[in-house]
Amino acid sequence: MNSDADFDTDVHDINPVALERALRSASLDLQQIIATVAGRYLDSGRHRYSSGAQLPTWRTLLTIDEQVFDNRGFRSRHNETVRSTFVRFEDSRLSGMDLDETVDWQRDDDDLPAVYLLVRALVQADATDVALHD
């Protein structure tokens, strides 16, 4: 999908239009992969975040992050330059969290990991869905 010819090792030689298109494509791809991988680790079922459902731990997010960014399809479809623009769990301040604690979805730090942001959106959407159907 992306052509390596659009990207050069020198950041100044990157075609900005091609980079923007590649980032948009990678972002959409990442969202789908995170939703799929997160679905394996988070309580399954229609009302997964209803009262009594177990919320994910930081360790769960770290595991999702590792699997998403190690996904062969994602790695082959998107150039390293593009993949490196996404904040990873290990590169954020969240990496110092107690991994067995429940995730704090109220974080608003700069440079939150892509996995944190997208799983939080899934959790919030599910919580809204549960509230609407209760």
Protein backbone atom coordinates (compact mmCIF):
# COMPACT_ATOMS: atom_id res chain seq x y z
CA MET A 1 0.00 0.00 0.00
CA ASN A 2 2.72 2.47 1.01
CA SER A 3 5.68 2.89 -1.22
CA ASP A 4 9.08 3.05 0.41
CA ALA A 5 10.02 5.44 -2.40
CA ASP A 6 7.77 8.04 -0.72
CA PHE A 7 9.98 7.92 2.36
CA ASP A 8 13.67 8.61 2.60
CA THR A 9 15.93 8.15 5.60
CA ASP A 10 16.33 11.94 5.76
CA VAL A 11 13.19 13.40 7.40
CA HIS A 12 13.51 16.52 5.25
CA ASP A 13 13.05 14.45 2.07
CA ILE A 14 9.72 12.90 3.12
CA ASN A 15 6.82 13.83 0.89
CA PRO A 16 4.41 15.47 3.40
CA VAL A 17 1.29 14.53 1.43
CA ALA A 18 2.37 10.90 1.18
CA LEU A 19 3.27 10.89 4.88
CA GLU A 20 -0.12 12.33 5.88
CA ARG A 21 -1.92 9.74 3.74
CA ALA A 22 0.24 6.94 5.17
CA LEU A 23 -0.40 8.13 8.76
CA ARG A 24 -4.15 8.24 8.17
CA SER A 25 -4.10 4.73 6.70
CA ALA A 26 -1.93 3.39 9.53
CA SER A 27 -4.14 5.06 12.14
CA LEU A 28 -7.29 3.41 10.78
CA ASP A 29 -5.49 0.08 10.53
CA LEU A 30 -4.21 0.46 14.09
CA GLN A 31 -7.72 1.15 15.39
CA GLN A 32 -9.02 -2.07 13.84
CA ILE A 33 -6.12 -4.16 15.11
CA ILE A 34 -6.40 -2.73 18.63
CA ALA A 35 -10.15 -3.42 18.71
CA THR A 36 -9.54 -7.02 17.61
CA VAL A 37 -6.67 -7.69 20.01
CA ALA A 38 -8.36 -5.87 22.92
CA GLY A 39 -11.47 -8.00 22.37
CA ARG A 40 -9.40 -11.09 23.22
CA TYR A 41 -8.27 -9.67 26.55
CA LEU A 42 -11.22 -7.69 27.78
CA ASP A 43 -14.33 -9.33 29.17
CA SER A 44 -16.31 -10.54 26.18
CA GLY A 45 -20.01 -10.16 25.90
CA ARG A 46 -22.41 -7.37 25.14
CA HIS A 47 -22.17 -5.71 28.55
CA ARG A 48 -18.51 -6.21 29.26
CA TYR A 49 -18.15 -3.12 31.47
CA SER A 50 -21.37 -3.40 33.41
CA SER A 51 -21.17 -3.44 37.20
CA GLY A 52 -19.09 -6.36 38.37
CA ALA A 53 -17.14 -6.70 35.13
CA GLN A 54 -13.39 -6.72 35.65
CA LEU A 55 -11.64 -3.70 34.20
CA PRO A 56 -8.28 -4.14 32.46
CA THR A 57 -4.97 -3.75 34.26
CA TRP A 58 -1.92 -1.88 33.01
CA ARG A 59 -0.39 -5.30 32.25
CA THR A 60 -3.32 -6.03 29.93
CA LEU A 61 -2.69 -2.77 28.07
CA LEU A 62 1.01 -3.54 27.81
CA THR A 63 0.23 -6.98 26.37
CA ILE A 64 -2.22 -5.47 23.86
CA ASP A 65 0.39 -2.86 22.89
CA GLU A 66 3.04 -5.53 22.28
CA GLN A 67 0.73 -7.71 20.18
CA VAL A 68 -0.60 -4.81 18.13
CA PHE A 69 2.79 -3.42 17.20
CA ASP A 70 4.22 -6.90 16.59
CA ASN A 71 1.33 -7.68 14.22
CA ARG A 72 2.95 -8.88 10.98
CA GLY A 73 0.25 -7.36 8.80
CA PHE A 74 0.58 -3.96 10.43
CA ARG A 75 4.37 -4.10 10.17
CA SER A 76 4.29 -5.09 6.50
CA ARG A 77 1.64 -2.56 5.48
CA HIS A 78 3.25 0.46 7.13
CA ASN A 79 6.77 1.82 6.85
CA GLU A 80 8.90 2.10 10.00
CA THR A 81 8.79 5.90 9.68
CA VAL A 82 5.01 5.78 9.95
CA ARG A 83 4.91 3.12 12.69
CA SER A 84 7.37 5.08 14.81
CA THR A 85 5.00 8.08 14.99
CA PHE A 86 2.65 6.19 17.31
CA VAL A 87 3.39 6.46 21.02
CA ARG A 88 4.05 3.04 22.50
CA PHE A 89 3.31 2.03 26.09
CA GLU A 90 7.00 1.45 26.83
CA ASP A 91 7.88 4.97 25.63
CA SER A 92 5.38 6.74 27.87
CA ARG A 93 5.28 7.69 31.53
CA LEU A 94 2.68 4.95 31.96
CA SER A 95 5.37 2.29 31.68
CA GLY A 96 6.25 2.97 35.33
CA MET A 97 2.77 2.09 36.58
CA ASP A 98 2.10 -0.91 38.83
CA LEU A 99 1.19 -3.36 36.08
CA ASP A 100 -1.36 -5.22 38.22
CA GLU A 101 -3.37 -2.11 39.09
CA THR A 102 -6.62 -1.36 37.28
CA VAL A 103 -6.15 1.14 34.46
CA ASP A 104 -6.90 4.76 35.34
CA TRP A 105 -8.89 6.02 32.35
CA GLN A 106 -8.76 9.62 33.62
CA ARG A 107 -5.14 10.17 32.54
CA ASP A 108 -4.64 13.21 30.33
CA ASP A 109 -0.85 13.23 30.08
CA ASP A 110 0.80 14.40 26.90
CA ASP A 111 1.82 11.64 24.55
CA LEU A 112 -0.48 8.90 25.82
CA PRO A 113 0.09 5.56 24.07
CA ALA A 114 -2.15 4.80 21.09
CA VAL A 115 -3.33 1.59 22.79
CA TYR A 116 -4.36 3.49 25.93
CA LEU A 117 -6.33 6.06 23.93
CA LEU A 118 -8.11 3.55 21.70
CA VAL A 119 -8.92 1.01 24.42
CA ARG A 120 -10.21 3.88 26.58
CA ALA A 121 -12.51 4.91 23.72
CA LEU A 122 -13.77 1.30 23.48
CA VAL A 123 -14.37 1.13 27.25
CA GLN A 124 -16.20 4.47 27.25
CA ALA A 125 -18.32 3.49 24.23
CA ASP A 126 -19.26 0.21 25.93
CA ALA A 127 -20.08 2.00 29.18
CA THR A 128 -22.32 4.42 27.28
CA ASP A 129 -23.98 1.52 25.46
CA VAL A 130 -24.61 -0.28 28.77
CA ALA A 131 -26.08 2.88 30.32
CA LEU A 132 -28.41 3.36 27.35
CA HIS A 133 -29.67 -0.24 27.51
CA ASP A 134 -30.11 -0.51 31.29
